Amino acid sequence: MNRPIPYLGNPQSTIEVLQKYKFVFQKRFGQNFLIDSHVLQKIIRSAEITEQDFVLEVGPGIGTMTQYLAAAAGQVVAVEVDKALIPILEDTLQGYDNVTVRNEDILKVDIRGLVESQNQGKPIKVVANLPYYITTPIIMGLFENQVPLESITIMVQKEVADRMKVGPGTKDYGALSLAVQYYARPELIANVPPNCFMPRPKVGSAVIRLIRHAHPPVTVRDEAQMFRIIRASFNQRRKTLLNSLSNAAGIPYTKEELAAALKKLGWSASIRGEALTLEQFARLSDALG
């Protein structure tokens, strides 16, 4: 199947498209378009996109990465919230017969339904240059809604990528680290400096790949309770675990019950949430019953 060779992914062609349509960047959508073809090729390679793949792209912008995805994948669905970009995408993606653009808010899309209707429920790959302000809701929405996923390969703020892959006892370790690692194995692919984007963001970025676990690495009786405990443990991370949990809304245990659970597990009453592994949070959740 002959599809056009991607031509976006450099400053000149990006500027030409933006000027042609008199496009104005919207700060509220966190728009920073990639202008480095080497980074784009690295994303496609690391995501291991093949002609057998159904790919969901979040925030295609002017279609830069969409062109690369369309050239490599079997089918691409790109979800773009900014209606001003839709005529641009119709232009830049003409000739790619395997792309569908949806002008919607990704947080309101029934992605499970989309996968059922357009990919027979088989696992998909998600690839995106994510707006920083909604990175966590998008990732957690994909995992928590049980979307059939093979992997998520995303460009995010470097600080967020660091938080996804670290372990206990580090300053970046938190609820996001534990949630991501419960559902997937994170792999840092590349650090990406601000000059690879237009306009330049104020912070560095990173490409990270999250490979979905076939089964979670820990067993827990009540997954929802474990995550309530995790979130409460990090809401006031300098407090002890006992104080954090006893003061948290949504944790239905008295301070005495919490203290008894810690004692049963052989843990100090002064332990902090940031010291616990995912397995230990699962054991605490089970101990509380």
C-alpha atoms as a PDB file:
ATOM      1  CA  MET A   1       0.000   0.000   0.000  1.00  0.00           C
ATOM      2  CA  ASN A   2       1.597   3.279  -1.112  1.00  0.00           C
ATOM      3  CA  ARG A   3       1.242   5.980   1.513  1.00  0.00           C
ATOM      4  CA  PRO A   4       2.928   9.389   1.455  1.00  0.00           C
ATOM      5  CA  ILE A   5       6.345   9.756   3.087  1.00  0.00           C
ATOM      6  CA  PRO A   6       6.082  11.894   6.254  1.00  0.00           C
ATOM      7  CA  TYR A   7       7.188  15.445   5.497  1.00  0.00           C
ATOM      8  CA  LEU A   8       6.437  17.161   8.807  1.00  0.00           C
ATOM      9  CA  GLY A   9       8.864  16.984  11.701  1.00  0.00           C
ATOM     10  CA  ASN A  10      11.169  19.903  10.907  1.00  0.00           C
ATOM     11  CA  PRO A  11      10.879  23.627  11.707  1.00  0.00           C
ATOM     12  CA  GLN A  12      10.413  24.817   8.096  1.00  0.00           C
ATOM     13  CA  SER A  13       7.472  22.582   7.152  1.00  0.00           C
ATOM     14  CA  THR A  14       5.819  23.173  10.537  1.00  0.00           C
ATOM     15  CA  ILE A  15       6.061  26.956  10.128  1.00  0.00           C
ATOM     16  CA  GLU A  16       4.651  26.713   6.591  1.00  0.00           C
ATOM     17  CA  VAL A  17       1.582  24.792   7.803  1.00  0.00           C
ATOM     18  CA  LEU A  18       1.016  27.128  10.750  1.00  0.00           C
ATOM     19  CA  GLN A  19       1.273  30.228   8.531  1.00  0.00           C
ATOM     20  CA  LYS A  20      -0.977  28.757   5.830  1.00  0.00           C
ATOM     21  CA  TYR A  21      -3.793  28.322   8.335  1.00  0.00           C
ATOM     22  CA  LYS A  22      -2.875  31.340  10.528  1.00  0.00           C
ATOM     23  CA  PHE A  23      -2.861  28.963  13.492  1.00  0.00           C
ATOM     24  CA  VAL A  24      -2.656  30.474  16.984  1.00  0.00           C
ATOM     25  CA  PHE A  25      -1.289  28.292  19.774  1.00  0.00           C
ATOM     26  CA  GLN A  26      -3.738  27.749  22.623  1.00  0.00           C
ATOM     27  CA  LYS A  27      -2.020  27.786  26.010  1.00  0.00           C
ATOM     28  CA  ARG A  28      -5.014  26.060  27.633  1.00  0.00           C
ATOM     29  CA  PHE A  29      -4.401  22.979  25.447  1.00  0.00           C
ATOM     30  CA  GLY A  30      -0.685  22.821  26.284  1.00  0.00           C
ATOM     31  CA  GLN A  31       0.336  22.777  22.606  1.00  0.00           C
ATOM     32  CA  ASN A  32       4.013  22.115  21.838  1.00  0.00           C
ATOM     33  CA  PHE A  33       4.598  20.542  18.403  1.00  0.00           C
ATOM     34  CA  LEU A  34       7.578  18.243  17.751  1.00  0.00           C
ATOM     35  CA  ILE A  35       9.988  19.552  15.111  1.00  0.00           C
ATOM     36  CA  ASP A  36      12.715  16.891  15.245  1.00  0.00           C
ATOM     37  CA  SER A  37      12.441  13.944  12.838  1.00  0.00           C
ATOM     38  CA  HIS A  38      15.105  11.947  14.734  1.00  0.00           C
ATOM     39  CA  VAL A  39      12.969  12.026  17.893  1.00  0.00           C
ATOM     40  CA  LEU A  40       9.862  11.081  15.894  1.00  0.00           C
ATOM     41  CA  GLN A  41      11.617   8.104  14.312  1.00  0.00           C
ATOM     42  CA  LYS A  42      12.897   7.024  17.726  1.00  0.00           C
ATOM     43  CA  ILE A  43       9.337   7.086  19.122  1.00  0.00           C
ATOM     44  CA  ILE A  44       8.031   4.926  16.250  1.00  0.00           C
ATOM     45  CA  ARG A  45      10.920   2.459  16.650  1.00  0.00           C
ATOM     46  CA  SER A  46      10.620   2.197  20.423  1.00  0.00           C
ATOM     47  CA  ALA A  47       6.829   1.732  20.205  1.00  0.00           C
ATOM     48  CA  GLU A  48       7.532  -1.178  17.817  1.00  0.00           C
ATOM     49  CA  ILE A  49       4.781  -0.093  15.427  1.00  0.00           C
ATOM     50  CA  THR A  50       3.981  -2.623  12.678  1.00  0.00           C
ATOM     51  CA  GLU A  51       1.366  -2.965   9.938  1.00  0.00           C
ATOM     52  CA  GLN A  52      -0.605  -5.260  12.268  1.00  0.00           C
ATOM     53  CA  ASP A  53      -1.064  -2.526  14.882  1.00  0.00           C
ATOM     54  CA  PHE A  54      -4.071  -0.393  15.770  1.00  0.00           C
ATOM     55  CA  VAL A  55      -2.675   2.833  17.263  1.00  0.00           C
ATOM     56  CA  LEU A  56      -4.480   5.457  19.307  1.00  0.00           C
ATOM     57  CA  GLU A  57      -2.809   8.870  19.195  1.00  0.00           C
ATOM     58  CA  VAL A  58      -3.766  11.541  21.707  1.00  0.00           C
ATOM     59  CA  GLY A  59      -3.324  15.174  20.654  1.00  0.00           C
ATOM     60  CA  PRO A  60      -2.033  14.884  17.064  1.00  0.00           C
ATOM     61  CA  GLY A  61      -1.632  18.671  16.712  1.00  0.00           C
ATOM     62  CA  ILE A  62      -0.940  19.410  13.037  1.00  0.00           C
ATOM     63  CA  GLY A  63      -0.384  15.706  12.284  1.00  0.00           C
ATOM     64  CA  THR A  64       3.392  15.513  12.614  1.00  0.00           C
ATOM     65  CA  MET A  65       3.645  12.224  14.506  1.00  0.00           C
ATOM     66  CA  THR A  66       0.394  11.027  12.909  1.00  0.00           C
ATOM     67  CA  GLN A  67       2.151  10.926   9.522  1.00  0.00           C
ATOM     68  CA  TYR A  68       4.911   8.709  10.960  1.00  0.00           C
ATOM     69  CA  LEU A  69       2.366   6.462  12.684  1.00  0.00           C
ATOM     70  CA  ALA A  70       0.224   6.180   9.545  1.00  0.00           C
ATOM     71  CA  ALA A  71       3.261   5.213   7.477  1.00  0.00           C
ATOM     72  CA  ALA A  72       4.084   2.367   9.904  1.00  0.00           C
ATOM     73  CA  ALA A  73       0.783   1.141  11.409  1.00  0.00           C
ATOM     74  CA  GLY A  74      -2.239  -0.704  10.086  1.00  0.00           C
ATOM     75  CA  GLN A  75      -4.776   1.734  11.513  1.00  0.00           C
ATOM     76  CA  VAL A  76      -4.526   5.021  13.454  1.00  0.00           C
ATOM     77  CA  VAL A  77      -7.222   6.870  15.383  1.00  0.00           C
ATOM     78  CA  ALA A  78      -6.098  10.380  16.377  1.00  0.00           C
ATOM     79  CA  VAL A  79      -8.133  12.273  18.986  1.00  0.00           C
ATOM     80  CA  GLU A  80      -7.742  16.071  18.916  1.00  0.00           C
ATOM     81  CA  VAL A  81      -9.654  18.426  21.229  1.00  0.00           C
ATOM     82  CA  ASP A  82      -8.840  21.707  19.387  1.00  0.00           C
ATOM     83  CA  LYS A  83     -11.347  22.166  16.545  1.00  0.00           C
ATOM     84  CA  ALA A  84      -9.046  24.762  14.916  1.00  0.00           C
ATOM     85  CA  LEU A  85      -6.632  21.914  14.102  1.00  0.00           C
ATOM     86  CA  ILE A  86      -9.180  19.733  12.290  1.00  0.00           C
ATOM     87  CA  PRO A  87      -8.909  21.455   8.846  1.00  0.00           C
ATOM     88  CA  ILE A  88      -5.109  21.358   9.183  1.00  0.00           C
ATOM     89  CA  LEU A  89      -5.204  17.613   9.922  1.00  0.00           C
ATOM     90  CA  GLU A  90      -7.489  17.052   6.911  1.00  0.00           C
ATOM     91  CA  ASP A  91      -4.774  18.701   4.810  1.00  0.00           C
ATOM     92  CA  THR A  92      -1.632  17.139   6.309  1.00  0.00           C
ATOM     93  CA  LEU A  93      -3.133  13.634   6.489  1.00  0.00           C
ATOM     94  CA  GLN A  94      -4.645  13.482   3.020  1.00  0.00           C
ATOM     95  CA  GLY A  95      -3.317  10.414   1.242  1.00  0.00           C
ATOM     96  CA  TYR A  96      -3.125   8.391   4.458  1.00  0.00           C
ATOM     97  CA  ASP A  97      -6.140   6.126   4.062  1.00  0.00           C
ATOM     98  CA  ASN A  98      -5.653   4.410   7.426  1.00  0.00           C
ATOM     99  CA  VAL A  99      -6.191   7.436   9.711  1.00  0.00           C
ATOM    100  CA  THR A 100      -9.384   8.563  11.444  1.00  0.00           C
ATOM    101  CA  VAL A 101      -9.374  11.948  13.220  1.00  0.00           C
ATOM    102  CA  ARG A 102     -11.868  12.550  16.022  1.00  0.00           C
ATOM    103  CA  ASN A 103     -12.476  16.068  17.343  1.00  0.00           C
ATOM    104  CA  GLU A 104     -13.122  15.104  20.965  1.00  0.00           C
ATOM    105  CA  ASP A 105     -11.780  15.405  24.490  1.00  0.00           C
ATOM    106  CA  ILE A 106      -9.834  12.179  25.097  1.00  0.00           C
ATOM    107  CA  LEU A 107     -11.022  12.103  28.725  1.00  0.00           C
ATOM    108  CA  LYS A 108     -14.609  11.781  27.476  1.00  0.00           C
ATOM    109  CA  VAL A 109     -13.997   9.157  24.774  1.00  0.00           C
ATOM    110  CA  ASP A 110     -15.172   5.600  25.436  1.00  0.00           C
ATOM    111  CA  ILE A 111     -11.834   4.055  24.491  1.00  0.00           C
ATOM    112  CA  ARG A 112     -12.870   0.527  25.458  1.00  0.00           C
ATOM    113  CA  GLY A 113     -15.886   0.856  23.162  1.00  0.00           C
ATOM    114  CA  LEU A 114     -13.639   2.207  20.401  1.00  0.00           C
ATOM    115  CA  VAL A 115     -11.286  -0.781  20.704  1.00  0.00           C
ATOM    116  CA  GLU A 116     -14.227  -3.218  20.702  1.00  0.00           C
ATOM    117  CA  SER A 117     -15.834  -1.705  17.597  1.00  0.00           C
ATOM    118  CA  GLN A 118     -12.713  -0.940  15.546  1.00  0.00           C
ATOM    119  CA  ASN A 119     -10.160  -3.541  16.654  1.00  0.00           C
ATOM    120  CA  GLN A 120     -12.366  -6.482  17.725  1.00  0.00           C
ATOM    121  CA  GLY A 121     -11.292  -5.914  21.338  1.00  0.00           C
ATOM    122  CA  LYS A 122      -7.662  -6.829  20.590  1.00  0.00           C
ATOM    123  CA  PRO A 123      -4.946  -4.887  22.491  1.00  0.00           C
ATOM    124  CA  ILE A 124      -3.923  -1.550  20.992  1.00  0.00           C
ATOM    125  CA  LYS A 125      -0.831   0.635  21.235  1.00  0.00           C
ATOM    126  CA  VAL A 126      -1.123   4.224  22.451  1.00  0.00           C
ATOM    127  CA  VAL A 127       1.404   6.778  21.191  1.00  0.00           C
ATOM    128  CA  ALA A 128       1.230  10.447  22.119  1.00  0.00           C
ATOM    129  CA  ASN A 129       3.014  13.723  22.695  1.00  0.00           C
ATOM    130  CA  LEU A 130       0.876  14.449  25.743  1.00  0.00           C
ATOM    131  CA  PRO A 131      -0.136  17.888  26.988  1.00  0.00           C
ATOM    132  CA  TYR A 132       1.565  18.085  30.393  1.00  0.00           C
ATOM    133  CA  TYR A 133      -1.510  19.267  32.259  1.00  0.00           C
ATOM    134  CA  ILE A 134      -3.514  16.074  31.584  1.00  0.00           C
ATOM    135  CA  THR A 135      -0.753  13.457  31.431  1.00  0.00           C
ATOM    136  CA  THR A 136      -1.716  11.638  34.632  1.00  0.00           C
ATOM    137  CA  PRO A 137      -5.523  11.564  34.053  1.00  0.00           C
ATOM    138  CA  ILE A 138      -4.994  10.146  30.547  1.00  0.00           C
ATOM    139  CA  ILE A 139      -2.570   7.417  31.630  1.00  0.00           C
ATOM    140  CA  MET A 140      -4.598   6.409  34.676  1.00  0.00           C
ATOM    141  CA  GLY A 141      -7.828   6.497  32.666  1.00  0.00           C
ATOM    142  CA  LEU A 142      -6.368   4.015  30.176  1.00  0.00           C
ATOM    143  CA  PHE A 143      -5.261   1.644  32.940  1.00  0.00           C
ATOM    144  CA  GLU A 144      -8.168   1.944  35.358  1.00  0.00           C
ATOM    145  CA  ASN A 145     -10.831   1.603  32.658  1.00  0.00           C
ATOM    146  CA  GLN A 146      -9.309  -1.735  31.637  1.00  0.00           C
ATOM    147  CA  VAL A 147      -8.654  -0.642  28.050  1.00  0.00           C
ATOM    148  CA  PRO A 148      -7.058  -3.574  26.144  1.00  0.00           C
ATOM    149  CA  LEU A 149      -3.507  -2.250  25.884  1.00  0.00           C
ATOM    150  CA  GLU A 150      -0.202  -3.622  24.704  1.00  0.00           C
ATOM    151  CA  SER A 151       1.849  -0.529  25.447  1.00  0.00           C
ATOM    152  CA  ILE A 152       1.778   3.252  25.885  1.00  0.00           C
ATOM    153  CA  THR A 153       4.671   5.230  24.366  1.00  0.00           C
ATOM    154  CA  ILE A 154       4.441   8.874  25.334  1.00  0.00           C
ATOM    155  CA  MET A 155       6.296  12.143  25.412  1.00  0.00           C
ATOM    156  CA  VAL A 156       5.842  13.704  28.838  1.00  0.00           C
ATOM    157  CA  GLN A 157       7.485  16.269  31.084  1.00  0.00           C
ATOM    158  CA  LYS A 158      10.832  14.789  32.214  1.00  0.00           C
ATOM    159  CA  GLU A 159       9.871  15.195  35.853  1.00  0.00           C
ATOM    160  CA  VAL A 160       6.747  13.068  35.284  1.00  0.00           C
ATOM    161  CA  ALA A 161       8.738  10.365  33.461  1.00  0.00           C
ATOM    162  CA  ASP A 162      11.142  10.269  36.427  1.00  0.00           C
ATOM    163  CA  ARG A 163       8.217   9.813  38.822  1.00  0.00           C
ATOM    164  CA  MET A 164       6.872   6.857  36.840  1.00  0.00           C
ATOM    165  CA  LYS A 165      10.012   4.752  37.042  1.00  0.00           C
ATOM    166  CA  VAL A 166      11.527   5.351  40.510  1.00  0.00           C
ATOM    167  CA  GLY A 167      11.333   3.199  43.643  1.00  0.00           C
ATOM    168  CA  PRO A 168      10.902   3.805  47.400  1.00  0.00           C
ATOM    169  CA  GLY A 169      13.016   6.322  49.290  1.00  0.00           C
ATOM    170  CA  THR A 170      13.531   8.770  46.401  1.00  0.00           C
ATOM    171  CA  LYS A 171      12.074  12.287  46.223  1.00  0.00           C
ATOM    172  CA  ASP A 172      10.174  11.518  42.983  1.00  0.00           C
ATOM    173  CA  TYR A 173       8.540   8.363  44.360  1.00  0.00           C
ATOM    174  CA  GLY A 174       4.802   8.694  44.898  1.00  0.00           C
ATOM    175  CA  ALA A 175       1.295   7.542  44.038  1.00  0.00           C
ATOM    176  CA  LEU A 176       1.946   7.854  40.271  1.00  0.00           C
ATOM    177  CA  SER A 177       5.060   5.634  40.527  1.00  0.00           C
ATOM    178  CA  LEU A 178       3.098   2.908  42.289  1.00  0.00           C
ATOM    179  CA  ALA A 179       0.047   3.111  40.013  1.00  0.00           C
ATOM    180  CA  VAL A 180       2.102   2.947  36.812  1.00  0.00           C
ATOM    181  CA  GLN A 181       4.266   0.090  38.115  1.00  0.00           C
ATOM    182  CA  TYR A 182       1.196  -1.891  39.207  1.00  0.00           C
ATOM    183  CA  TYR A 183      -0.158  -1.841  35.660  1.00  0.00           C
ATOM    184  CA  ALA A 184       2.982  -1.678  33.502  1.00  0.00           C
ATOM    185  CA  ARG A 185       6.766  -1.881  33.213  1.00  0.00           C
ATOM    186  CA  PRO A 186       8.174   1.606  32.532  1.00  0.00           C
ATOM    187  CA  GLU A 187      11.169   2.058  30.195  1.00  0.00           C
ATOM    188  CA  LEU A 188      12.791   5.458  29.651  1.00  0.00           C
ATOM    189  CA  ILE A 189      13.474   5.788  25.911  1.00  0.00           C
ATOM    190  CA  ALA A 190      15.026   9.254  25.536  1.00  0.00           C
ATOM    191  CA  ASN A 191      15.371  12.685  27.098  1.00  0.00           C
ATOM    192  CA  VAL A 192      14.195  15.434  24.737  1.00  0.00           C
ATOM    193  CA  PRO A 193      15.367  19.064  25.137  1.00  0.00           C
ATOM    194  CA  PRO A 194      13.033  22.082  24.708  1.00  0.00           C
ATOM    195  CA  ASN A 195      14.539  23.035  21.311  1.00  0.00           C
ATOM    196  CA  CYS A 196      12.851  19.973  19.737  1.00  0.00           C
ATOM    197  CA  PHE A 197       9.456  21.687  20.075  1.00  0.00           C
ATOM    198  CA  MET A 198       7.584  24.673  18.722  1.00  0.00           C
ATOM    199  CA  PRO A 199       6.953  26.704  20.788  1.00  0.00           C
ATOM    200  CA  ARG A 200       9.693  25.723  23.210  1.00  0.00           C
ATOM    201  CA  PRO A 201       8.407  24.499  26.566  1.00  0.00           C
ATOM    202  CA  LYS A 202      10.066  25.836  29.703  1.00  0.00           C
ATOM    203  CA  VAL A 203      11.017  22.336  30.885  1.00  0.00           C
ATOM    204  CA  GLY A 204      12.724  19.255  29.476  1.00  0.00           C
ATOM    205  CA  SER A 205      10.714  16.301  28.181  1.00  0.00           C
ATOM    206  CA  ALA A 206      11.209  12.558  27.969  1.00  0.00           C
ATOM    207  CA  VAL A 207       9.841   9.654  25.968  1.00  0.00           C
ATOM    208  CA  ILE A 208       8.764   6.774  28.194  1.00  0.00           C
ATOM    209  CA  ARG A 209       7.252   3.434  27.217  1.00  0.00           C
ATOM    210  CA  LEU A 210       4.857   1.626  29.534  1.00  0.00           C
ATOM    211  CA  ILE A 211       4.557  -2.071  28.664  1.00  0.00           C
ATOM    212  CA  ARG A 212       1.349  -3.489  30.108  1.00  0.00           C
ATOM    213  CA  HIS A 213       1.759  -6.363  32.572  1.00  0.00           C
ATOM    214  CA  ALA A 214      -0.139  -9.526  31.618  1.00  0.00           C
ATOM    215  CA  HIS A 215      -0.838  -9.823  35.367  1.00  0.00           C
ATOM    216  CA  PRO A 216      -0.129  -7.271  38.129  1.00  0.00           C
ATOM    217  CA  PRO A 217       3.200  -7.905  39.919  1.00  0.00           C
ATOM    218  CA  VAL A 218       1.436  -8.115  43.310  1.00  0.00           C
ATOM    219  CA  THR A 219      -1.751  -9.802  44.479  1.00  0.00           C
ATOM    220  CA  VAL A 220      -4.187  -7.750  46.556  1.00  0.00           C
ATOM    221  CA  ARG A 221      -7.738  -8.557  47.663  1.00  0.00           C
ATOM    222  CA  ASP A 222      -9.136  -5.049  47.155  1.00  0.00           C
ATOM    223  CA  GLU A 223      -7.310  -3.075  44.455  1.00  0.00           C
ATOM    224  CA  ALA A 224      -9.444   0.064  44.969  1.00  0.00           C
ATOM    225  CA  GLN A 225      -8.701   0.123  48.703  1.00  0.00           C
ATOM    226  CA  MET A 226      -4.975  -0.306  48.094  1.00  0.00           C
ATOM    227  CA  PHE A 227      -4.940   2.742  45.829  1.00  0.00           C
ATOM    228  CA  ARG A 228      -6.955   4.792  48.337  1.00  0.00           C
ATOM    229  CA  ILE A 229      -4.299   3.934  50.932  1.00  0.00           C
ATOM    230  CA  ILE A 230      -1.482   4.798  48.514  1.00  0.00           C
ATOM    231  CA  ARG A 231      -2.975   8.196  47.623  1.00  0.00           C
ATOM    232  CA  ALA A 232      -3.625   9.046  51.284  1.00  0.00           C
ATOM    233  CA  SER A 233      -0.059   8.022  52.203  1.00  0.00           C
ATOM    234  CA  PHE A 234       1.443  10.593  49.841  1.00  0.00           C
ATOM    235  CA  ASN A 235      -1.008  13.470  50.342  1.00  0.00           C
ATOM    236  CA  GLN A 236       1.141  14.643  53.264  1.00  0.00           C
ATOM    237  CA  ARG A 237       4.319  12.750  52.549  1.00  0.00           C
ATOM    238  CA  ARG A 238       6.340  14.155  55.464  1.00  0.00           C
ATOM    239  CA  LYS A 239       3.857  12.723  57.965  1.00  0.00           C
ATOM    240  CA  THR A 240       4.070   9.177  59.261  1.00  0.00           C
ATOM    241  CA  LEU A 241       1.959   6.590  57.485  1.00  0.00           C
ATOM    242  CA  LEU A 242      -0.160   6.228  60.626  1.00  0.00           C
ATOM    243  CA  ASN A 243      -0.971   9.952  60.809  1.00  0.00           C
ATOM    244  CA  SER A 244      -1.509  10.306  57.043  1.00  0.00           C
ATOM    245  CA  LEU A 245      -4.029   7.470  56.947  1.00  0.00           C
ATOM    246  CA  SER A 246      -5.850   8.337  60.184  1.00  0.00           C
ATOM    247  CA  ASN A 247      -6.423  11.930  58.966  1.00  0.00           C
ATOM    248  CA  ALA A 248      -7.498  10.977  55.419  1.00  0.00           C
ATOM    249  CA  ALA A 249     -11.062  11.095  54.140  1.00  0.00           C
ATOM    250  CA  GLY A 250     -11.990   7.812  52.484  1.00  0.00           C
ATOM    251  CA  ILE A 251      -9.902   5.630  54.822  1.00  0.00           C
ATOM    252  CA  PRO A 252     -12.564   4.015  57.052  1.00  0.00           C
ATOM    253  CA  TYR A 253     -10.281   2.861  59.870  1.00  0.00           C
ATOM    254  CA  THR A 254      -9.558   4.310  63.296  1.00  0.00           C
ATOM    255  CA  LYS A 255      -6.042   5.229  64.346  1.00  0.00           C
ATOM    256  CA  GLU A 256      -6.091   2.215  66.684  1.00  0.00           C
ATOM    257  CA  GLU A 257      -7.070  -0.155  63.874  1.00  0.00           C
ATOM    258  CA  LEU A 258      -4.332   1.265  61.647  1.00  0.00           C
ATOM    259  CA  ALA A 259      -1.749   0.962  64.429  1.00  0.00           C
ATOM    260  CA  ALA A 260      -2.801  -2.646  65.026  1.00  0.00           C
ATOM    261  CA  ALA A 261      -2.359  -3.459  61.312  1.00  0.00           C
ATOM    262  CA  LEU A 262       1.150  -1.931  61.291  1.00  0.00           C
ATOM    263  CA  LYS A 263       2.066  -3.896  64.420  1.00  0.00           C
ATOM    264  CA  LYS A 264       0.707  -7.114  62.893  1.00  0.00           C
ATOM    265  CA  LEU A 265       2.980  -6.565  59.886  1.00  0.00           C
ATOM    266  CA  GLY A 266       5.958  -5.877  62.152  1.00  0.00           C
ATOM    267  CA  TRP A 267       6.362  -2.272  61.011  1.00  0.00           C
ATOM    268  CA  SER A 268       7.302   0.731  63.103  1.00  0.00           C
ATOM    269  CA  ALA A 269       4.551   3.234  63.955  1.00  0.00           C
ATOM    270  CA  SER A 270       6.878   5.960  62.623  1.00  0.00           C
ATOM    271  CA  ILE A 271       7.229   4.490  59.104  1.00  0.00           C
ATOM    272  CA  ARG A 272       6.369   6.810  56.183  1.00  0.00           C
ATOM    273  CA  GLY A 273       4.485   5.916  53.027  1.00  0.00           C
ATOM    274  CA  GLU A 274       7.458   6.853  50.839  1.00  0.00           C
ATOM    275  CA  ALA A 275       9.399   3.918  52.363  1.00  0.00           C
ATOM    276  CA  LEU A 276       6.910   1.236  51.296  1.00  0.00           C
ATOM    277  CA  THR A 277       7.082  -0.894  48.162  1.00  0.00           C
ATOM    278  CA  LEU A 278       4.054  -1.797  46.060  1.00  0.00           C
ATOM    279  CA  GLU A 279       4.049  -5.264  47.648  1.00  0.00           C
ATOM    280  CA  GLN A 280       4.032  -3.723  51.150  1.00  0.00           C
ATOM    281  CA  PHE A 281       1.058  -1.491  50.279  1.00  0.00           C
ATOM    282  CA  ALA A 282      -0.772  -4.610  49.084  1.00  0.00           C
ATOM    283  CA  ARG A 283       0.025  -6.393  52.372  1.00  0.00           C
ATOM    284  CA  LEU A 284      -1.183  -3.388  54.391  1.00  0.00           C
ATOM    285  CA  SER A 285      -4.435  -3.245  52.420  1.00  0.00           C
ATOM    286  CA  ASP A 286      -5.013  -6.962  53.025  1.00  0.00           C
ATOM    287  CA  ALA A 287      -4.134  -6.642  56.726  1.00  0.00           C
ATOM    288  CA  LEU A 288      -6.821  -3.977  57.121  1.00  0.00           C
ATOM    289  CA  GLY A 289      -9.333  -6.310  55.466  1.00  0.00           C
END
